[in-house]
Amino acid sequence: MIDPCELPELPFPLRAYGPQANWSHENGVLTGWAGARADRFVPPAGSSLEPASDAPRLLGAPEGDFQLIARVTVGFRASFDAGALYLHVGEHEWAKLCLELSPDKPTICTVVTRGHSDDANSFEVEGDSVWLRISRTGRAFAFHASTDGQHWIFVRIFALGTEETAGAALVGFLAQSPVGEGCVVSFDRIDFREGWPSGLRDGT
């Protein structure tokens, strides 16, 4: 895949960050590979503010309020293998919304990093696929997940960065395999919508 690249579903170009993922896009499906021990997490009990390792990301900078939606499918091989929608506000301010094998059941998980990372599980899902959505208005971000792409389950809302840095946030896709030997992650049904959701907790 050319770097930077353009996906027909998105109004902004994407650039690859982190380890090589061999990103490819064909017939509406974006596919990447997380190598062994690929992860992006700053342990909250540690003193360092640098991630212990890194994970491949494909990111771009949308303008204004938006919703980024994709169905993620993960070729689970080991605990904590995941595919995620990711947002990056600064070197020490970023977040991810994951479908993760946590540790033995596919689960919606979130991480918000402000220096150190937090880590929270939301709900378990059946199978290896789920829809994910990141939304932004100002410096507020919302995470939602859906099992059918129609009814959206509220996961989290939070502020990150300043109005300036949040408005210039990078968003996109991530693959990880923190304790495993790697996994394949694919994203399809990719959709970009302008504006903030009409309701955060009413399923829309």
C-alpha atoms as a PDB file:
ATOM      1  CA  MET A   1       0.000   0.000   0.000  1.00  0.00           C
ATOM      2  CA  ILE A   2       1.310   3.446  -0.917  1.00  0.00           C
ATOM      3  CA  ASP A   3       2.152   5.682   2.067  1.00  0.00           C
ATOM      4  CA  PRO A   4       0.336   8.039   2.368  1.00  0.00           C
ATOM      5  CA  CYS A   5      -2.689   6.291   0.896  1.00  0.00           C
ATOM      6  CA  GLU A   6      -6.282   7.168   0.157  1.00  0.00           C
ATOM      7  CA  LEU A   7      -9.276   4.950   0.871  1.00  0.00           C
ATOM      8  CA  PRO A   8     -12.389   5.726  -1.186  1.00  0.00           C
ATOM      9  CA  GLU A   9     -14.500   5.521   1.985  1.00  0.00           C
ATOM     10  CA  LEU A  10     -12.597   8.326   3.735  1.00  0.00           C
ATOM     11  CA  PRO A  11     -12.239  12.039   2.837  1.00  0.00           C
ATOM     12  CA  PHE A  12      -8.689  12.250   4.207  1.00  0.00           C
ATOM     13  CA  PRO A  13      -5.428  10.405   3.438  1.00  0.00           C
ATOM     14  CA  LEU A  14      -3.860   7.842   5.784  1.00  0.00           C
ATOM     15  CA  ARG A  15      -0.254   7.300   6.837  1.00  0.00           C
ATOM     16  CA  ALA A  16       1.321   4.245   8.436  1.00  0.00           C
ATOM     17  CA  TYR A  17       2.844   4.566  11.915  1.00  0.00           C
ATOM     18  CA  GLY A  18       4.710   2.094  14.088  1.00  0.00           C
ATOM     19  CA  PRO A  19       5.916  -1.365  13.020  1.00  0.00           C
ATOM     20  CA  GLN A  20       5.370  -2.722   9.518  1.00  0.00           C
ATOM     21  CA  ALA A  21       1.865  -4.163   9.083  1.00  0.00           C
ATOM     22  CA  ASN A  22       1.760  -4.853   5.328  1.00  0.00           C
ATOM     23  CA  TRP A  23      -1.483  -2.868   5.114  1.00  0.00           C
ATOM     24  CA  SER A  24      -3.575  -3.641   2.036  1.00  0.00           C
ATOM     25  CA  HIS A  25      -6.979  -2.477   0.775  1.00  0.00           C
ATOM     26  CA  GLU A  26      -8.983  -4.514  -1.695  1.00  0.00           C
ATOM     27  CA  ASN A  27     -12.710  -4.748  -2.443  1.00  0.00           C
ATOM     28  CA  GLY A  28     -13.559  -2.517   0.493  1.00  0.00           C
ATOM     29  CA  VAL A  29     -11.513  -4.509   3.021  1.00  0.00           C
ATOM     30  CA  LEU A  30      -8.515  -3.020   4.830  1.00  0.00           C
ATOM     31  CA  THR A  31      -6.155  -5.678   6.194  1.00  0.00           C
ATOM     32  CA  GLY A  32      -3.097  -5.406   8.441  1.00  0.00           C
ATOM     33  CA  TRP A  33      -0.793  -7.709  10.362  1.00  0.00           C
ATOM     34  CA  ALA A  34       0.275  -7.218  13.966  1.00  0.00           C
ATOM     35  CA  GLY A  35       3.656  -8.780  14.602  1.00  0.00           C
ATOM     36  CA  ALA A  36       4.749 -10.631  17.705  1.00  0.00           C
ATOM     37  CA  ARG A  37       4.327  -8.650  20.939  1.00  0.00           C
ATOM     38  CA  ALA A  38       2.923  -5.634  19.084  1.00  0.00           C
ATOM     39  CA  ASP A  39       1.103  -3.403  21.550  1.00  0.00           C
ATOM     40  CA  ARG A  40       0.539   0.214  22.505  1.00  0.00           C
ATOM     41  CA  PHE A  41       0.020   0.610  26.243  1.00  0.00           C
ATOM     42  CA  VAL A  42       1.743   2.552  29.032  1.00  0.00           C
ATOM     43  CA  PRO A  43       1.446   0.539  32.276  1.00  0.00           C
ATOM     44  CA  PRO A  44      -0.268   2.642  34.965  1.00  0.00           C
ATOM     45  CA  ALA A  45       1.957   1.167  37.687  1.00  0.00           C
ATOM     46  CA  GLY A  46       5.180   2.056  35.875  1.00  0.00           C
ATOM     47  CA  SER A  47       7.279   5.199  35.993  1.00  0.00           C
ATOM     48  CA  SER A  48       7.897   5.509  32.250  1.00  0.00           C
ATOM     49  CA  LEU A  49       5.490   7.425  30.000  1.00  0.00           C
ATOM     50  CA  GLU A  50       6.672   5.545  26.894  1.00  0.00           C
ATOM     51  CA  PRO A  51       4.808   2.466  25.613  1.00  0.00           C
ATOM     52  CA  ALA A  52       6.628  -0.765  26.406  1.00  0.00           C
ATOM     53  CA  SER A  53       6.274  -1.705  22.724  1.00  0.00           C
ATOM     54  CA  ASP A  54       4.482  -0.363  19.653  1.00  0.00           C
ATOM     55  CA  ALA A  55       1.689  -1.492  17.346  1.00  0.00           C
ATOM     56  CA  PRO A  56       1.032  -0.738  13.682  1.00  0.00           C
ATOM     57  CA  ARG A  57      -1.426   2.070  12.966  1.00  0.00           C
ATOM     58  CA  LEU A  58      -2.889   3.619   9.816  1.00  0.00           C
ATOM     59  CA  LEU A  59      -4.058   7.144  10.615  1.00  0.00           C
ATOM     60  CA  GLY A  60      -5.335  10.370   9.109  1.00  0.00           C
ATOM     61  CA  ALA A  61      -6.670  13.759  10.227  1.00  0.00           C
ATOM     62  CA  PRO A  62     -10.379  14.429   9.610  1.00  0.00           C
ATOM     63  CA  GLU A  63     -11.810  17.926   9.958  1.00  0.00           C
ATOM     64  CA  GLY A  64     -14.627  18.989  12.250  1.00  0.00           C
ATOM     65  CA  ASP A  65     -17.083  16.815  14.123  1.00  0.00           C
ATOM     66  CA  PHE A  66     -17.214  13.276  12.754  1.00  0.00           C
ATOM     67  CA  GLN A  67     -18.009   9.595  13.185  1.00  0.00           C
ATOM     68  CA  LEU A  68     -15.584   6.918  11.959  1.00  0.00           C
ATOM     69  CA  ILE A  69     -17.195   3.496  11.672  1.00  0.00           C
ATOM     70  CA  ALA A  70     -15.804   0.103  10.681  1.00  0.00           C
ATOM     71  CA  ARG A  71     -16.506  -3.568  11.208  1.00  0.00           C
ATOM     72  CA  VAL A  72     -13.389  -5.225  12.598  1.00  0.00           C
ATOM     73  CA  THR A  73     -12.554  -8.911  12.268  1.00  0.00           C
ATOM     74  CA  VAL A  74      -9.655 -10.384  14.236  1.00  0.00           C
ATOM     75  CA  GLY A  75      -7.867 -13.653  13.528  1.00  0.00           C
ATOM     76  CA  PHE A  76      -7.486 -14.452  17.211  1.00  0.00           C
ATOM     77  CA  ARG A  77      -4.496 -16.620  18.073  1.00  0.00           C
ATOM     78  CA  ALA A  78      -3.508 -15.522  21.585  1.00  0.00           C
ATOM     79  CA  SER A  79      -4.905 -13.606  24.551  1.00  0.00           C
ATOM     80  CA  PHE A  80      -5.170  -9.847  23.980  1.00  0.00           C
ATOM     81  CA  ASP A  81      -4.915 -10.075  20.194  1.00  0.00           C
ATOM     82  CA  ALA A  82      -7.068  -7.183  18.968  1.00  0.00           C
ATOM     83  CA  GLY A  83      -8.159  -4.898  16.194  1.00  0.00           C
ATOM     84  CA  ALA A  84      -9.027  -1.332  17.118  1.00  0.00           C
ATOM     85  CA  LEU A  85     -10.084   2.111  16.065  1.00  0.00           C
ATOM     86  CA  TYR A  86      -7.405   4.453  17.372  1.00  0.00           C
ATOM     87  CA  LEU A  87      -7.098   8.187  17.990  1.00  0.00           C
ATOM     88  CA  HIS A  88      -3.946  10.174  18.659  1.00  0.00           C
ATOM     89  CA  VAL A  89      -4.004  13.674  20.155  1.00  0.00           C
ATOM     90  CA  GLY A  90      -0.381  13.866  21.332  1.00  0.00           C
ATOM     91  CA  GLU A  91       2.639  11.727  22.192  1.00  0.00           C
ATOM     92  CA  HIS A  92       1.214  11.054  25.652  1.00  0.00           C
ATOM     93  CA  GLU A  93      -2.505  11.448  24.860  1.00  0.00           C
ATOM     94  CA  TRP A  94      -4.193   8.776  22.785  1.00  0.00           C
ATOM     95  CA  ALA A  95      -6.962   6.165  22.989  1.00  0.00           C
ATOM     96  CA  LYS A  96      -8.173   2.971  21.367  1.00  0.00           C
ATOM     97  CA  LEU A  97     -11.468   1.080  21.076  1.00  0.00           C
ATOM     98  CA  CYS A  98     -10.742  -2.630  20.633  1.00  0.00           C
ATOM     99  CA  LEU A  99     -12.244  -5.986  19.853  1.00  0.00           C
ATOM    100  CA  GLU A 100      -9.863  -8.022  22.014  1.00  0.00           C
ATOM    101  CA  LEU A 101      -9.504 -11.621  23.170  1.00  0.00           C
ATOM    102  CA  SER A 102      -9.560 -10.667  26.841  1.00  0.00           C
ATOM    103  CA  PRO A 103      -8.169 -13.096  27.887  1.00  0.00           C
ATOM    104  CA  ASP A 104     -10.213 -15.949  26.418  1.00  0.00           C
ATOM    105  CA  LYS A 105     -13.475 -14.334  25.224  1.00  0.00           C
ATOM    106  CA  PRO A 106     -13.845 -11.656  22.528  1.00  0.00           C
ATOM    107  CA  THR A 107     -14.555  -8.437  24.415  1.00  0.00           C
ATOM    108  CA  ILE A 108     -15.028  -4.747  23.711  1.00  0.00           C
ATOM    109  CA  CYS A 109     -12.138  -3.037  25.508  1.00  0.00           C
ATOM    110  CA  THR A 110     -11.021   0.581  25.755  1.00  0.00           C
ATOM    111  CA  VAL A 111      -7.791   2.313  26.670  1.00  0.00           C
ATOM    112  CA  VAL A 112      -7.403   6.055  27.260  1.00  0.00           C
ATOM    113  CA  THR A 113      -3.861   7.296  27.819  1.00  0.00           C
ATOM    114  CA  ARG A 114      -3.027  10.540  29.563  1.00  0.00           C
ATOM    115  CA  GLY A 115       0.628   9.874  30.301  1.00  0.00           C
ATOM    116  CA  HIS A 116      -0.196   6.424  31.687  1.00  0.00           C
ATOM    117  CA  SER A 117      -2.877   4.201  30.209  1.00  0.00           C
ATOM    118  CA  ASP A 118      -6.090   3.038  31.808  1.00  0.00           C
ATOM    119  CA  ASP A 119      -7.745  -0.191  30.681  1.00  0.00           C
ATOM    120  CA  ALA A 120     -11.435  -1.105  30.869  1.00  0.00           C
ATOM    121  CA  ASN A 121     -13.534  -3.988  29.529  1.00  0.00           C
ATOM    122  CA  SER A 122     -17.082  -3.254  28.353  1.00  0.00           C
ATOM    123  CA  PHE A 123     -18.958  -6.351  27.151  1.00  0.00           C
ATOM    124  CA  GLU A 124     -18.287  -9.741  25.571  1.00  0.00           C
ATOM    125  CA  VAL A 125     -19.299 -10.553  21.998  1.00  0.00           C
ATOM    126  CA  GLU A 126     -19.851 -13.763  20.085  1.00  0.00           C
ATOM    127  CA  GLY A 127     -17.508 -14.536  17.213  1.00  0.00           C
ATOM    128  CA  ASP A 128     -14.577 -12.616  15.799  1.00  0.00           C
ATOM    129  CA  SER A 129     -16.288  -9.527  14.314  1.00  0.00           C
ATOM    130  CA  VAL A 130     -17.998  -6.397  15.634  1.00  0.00           C
ATOM    131  CA  TRP A 131     -18.719  -2.832  14.484  1.00  0.00           C
ATOM    132  CA  LEU A 132     -16.790  -0.011  16.193  1.00  0.00           C
ATOM    133  CA  ARG A 133     -17.370   3.758  16.106  1.00  0.00           C
ATOM    134  CA  ILE A 134     -15.308   6.764  17.227  1.00  0.00           C
ATOM    135  CA  SER A 135     -17.042  10.164  17.309  1.00  0.00           C
ATOM    136  CA  ARG A 136     -15.664  13.642  17.979  1.00  0.00           C
ATOM    137  CA  THR A 137     -17.109  17.010  18.881  1.00  0.00           C
ATOM    138  CA  GLY A 138     -14.656  19.667  20.070  1.00  0.00           C
ATOM    139  CA  ARG A 139     -12.300  17.905  22.486  1.00  0.00           C
ATOM    140  CA  ALA A 140     -14.885  15.279  23.435  1.00  0.00           C
ATOM    141  CA  PHE A 141     -14.722  11.756  22.010  1.00  0.00           C
ATOM    142  CA  ALA A 142     -17.246   8.922  22.256  1.00  0.00           C
ATOM    143  CA  PHE A 143     -16.782   5.179  21.762  1.00  0.00           C
ATOM    144  CA  HIS A 144     -19.630   2.910  20.642  1.00  0.00           C
ATOM    145  CA  ALA A 145     -19.833  -0.723  19.507  1.00  0.00           C
ATOM    146  CA  SER A 146     -22.498  -2.688  17.654  1.00  0.00           C
ATOM    147  CA  THR A 147     -23.107  -6.341  16.880  1.00  0.00           C
ATOM    148  CA  ASP A 148     -25.147  -5.557  13.761  1.00  0.00           C
ATOM    149  CA  GLY A 149     -24.016  -2.113  12.587  1.00  0.00           C
ATOM    150  CA  GLN A 150     -27.468  -0.682  13.356  1.00  0.00           C
ATOM    151  CA  HIS A 151     -27.983  -0.526  17.129  1.00  0.00           C
ATOM    152  CA  TRP A 152     -25.059   1.182  18.855  1.00  0.00           C
ATOM    153  CA  ILE A 153     -24.092   0.378  22.451  1.00  0.00           C
ATOM    154  CA  PHE A 154     -22.552   3.249  24.377  1.00  0.00           C
ATOM    155  CA  VAL A 155     -19.102   2.362  25.710  1.00  0.00           C
ATOM    156  CA  ARG A 156     -17.413   5.568  26.825  1.00  0.00           C
ATOM    157  CA  ILE A 157     -17.200   9.360  26.504  1.00  0.00           C
ATOM    158  CA  PHE A 158     -14.150  11.382  27.514  1.00  0.00           C
ATOM    159  CA  ALA A 159     -12.203  14.554  26.801  1.00  0.00           C
ATOM    160  CA  LEU A 160      -8.657  14.416  25.492  1.00  0.00           C
ATOM    161  CA  GLY A 161      -6.174  17.159  24.713  1.00  0.00           C
ATOM    162  CA  THR A 162      -7.055  20.804  24.158  1.00  0.00           C
ATOM    163  CA  GLU A 163      -9.528  22.227  21.664  1.00  0.00           C
ATOM    164  CA  GLU A 164      -6.583  22.793  19.318  1.00  0.00           C
ATOM    165  CA  THR A 165      -4.898  19.393  19.649  1.00  0.00           C
ATOM    166  CA  ALA A 166      -8.165  17.436  19.706  1.00  0.00           C
ATOM    167  CA  GLY A 167      -9.250  19.253  16.553  1.00  0.00           C
ATOM    168  CA  ALA A 168      -6.089  18.043  14.835  1.00  0.00           C
ATOM    169  CA  ALA A 169      -6.346  14.469  16.147  1.00  0.00           C
ATOM    170  CA  LEU A 170      -5.229  11.556  14.015  1.00  0.00           C
ATOM    171  CA  VAL A 171      -7.728   8.703  13.793  1.00  0.00           C
ATOM    172  CA  GLY A 172      -7.745   5.335  12.108  1.00  0.00           C
ATOM    173  CA  PHE A 173      -6.911   1.692  12.553  1.00  0.00           C
ATOM    174  CA  LEU A 174      -4.632  -0.423  14.783  1.00  0.00           C
ATOM    175  CA  ALA A 175      -3.650  -4.087  15.095  1.00  0.00           C
ATOM    176  CA  GLN A 176      -2.027  -5.650  18.172  1.00  0.00           C
ATOM    177  CA  SER A 177      -0.779  -8.952  19.589  1.00  0.00           C
ATOM    178  CA  PRO A 178       0.732  -8.084  23.002  1.00  0.00           C
ATOM    179  CA  VAL A 179       1.664 -11.579  24.188  1.00  0.00           C
ATOM    180  CA  GLY A 180       1.227 -13.567  20.986  1.00  0.00           C
ATOM    181  CA  GLU A 181       3.164 -14.248  17.815  1.00  0.00           C
ATOM    182  CA  GLY A 182       0.985 -11.964  15.707  1.00  0.00           C
ATOM    183  CA  CYS A 183      -2.478 -11.860  14.159  1.00  0.00           C
ATOM    184  CA  VAL A 184      -4.295 -10.614  11.084  1.00  0.00           C
ATOM    185  CA  VAL A 185      -6.889  -7.857  11.490  1.00  0.00           C
ATOM    186  CA  SER A 186      -9.301  -6.647   8.828  1.00  0.00           C
ATOM    187  CA  PHE A 187     -11.694  -3.704   8.653  1.00  0.00           C
ATOM    188  CA  ASP A 188     -14.647  -3.484   6.279  1.00  0.00           C
ATOM    189  CA  ARG A 189     -17.956  -1.576   6.059  1.00  0.00           C
ATOM    190  CA  ILE A 190     -15.764   1.496   6.629  1.00  0.00           C
ATOM    191  CA  ASP A 191     -17.872   4.642   6.826  1.00  0.00           C
ATOM    192  CA  PHE A 192     -17.220   8.298   7.620  1.00  0.00           C
ATOM    193  CA  ARG A 193     -19.999  10.649   8.677  1.00  0.00           C
ATOM    194  CA  GLU A 194     -19.894  14.320   9.501  1.00  0.00           C
ATOM    195  CA  GLY A 195     -21.321  15.422  12.837  1.00  0.00           C
ATOM    196  CA  TRP A 196     -21.786  14.044  16.345  1.00  0.00           C
ATOM    197  CA  PRO A 197     -24.342  11.241  16.997  1.00  0.00           C
ATOM    198  CA  SER A 198     -27.855  12.501  17.770  1.00  0.00           C
ATOM    199  CA  GLY A 199     -27.882  10.472  20.992  1.00  0.00           C
ATOM    200  CA  LEU A 200     -25.124   8.698  22.885  1.00  0.00           C
ATOM    201  CA  ARG A 201     -27.252   6.234  24.852  1.00  0.00           C
ATOM    202  CA  ASP A 202     -30.355   5.677  22.691  1.00  0.00           C
ATOM    203  CA  GLY A 203     -28.836   3.229  20.222  1.00  0.00           C
ATOM    204  CA  THR A 204     -28.440   5.669  17.313  1.00  0.00           C
END
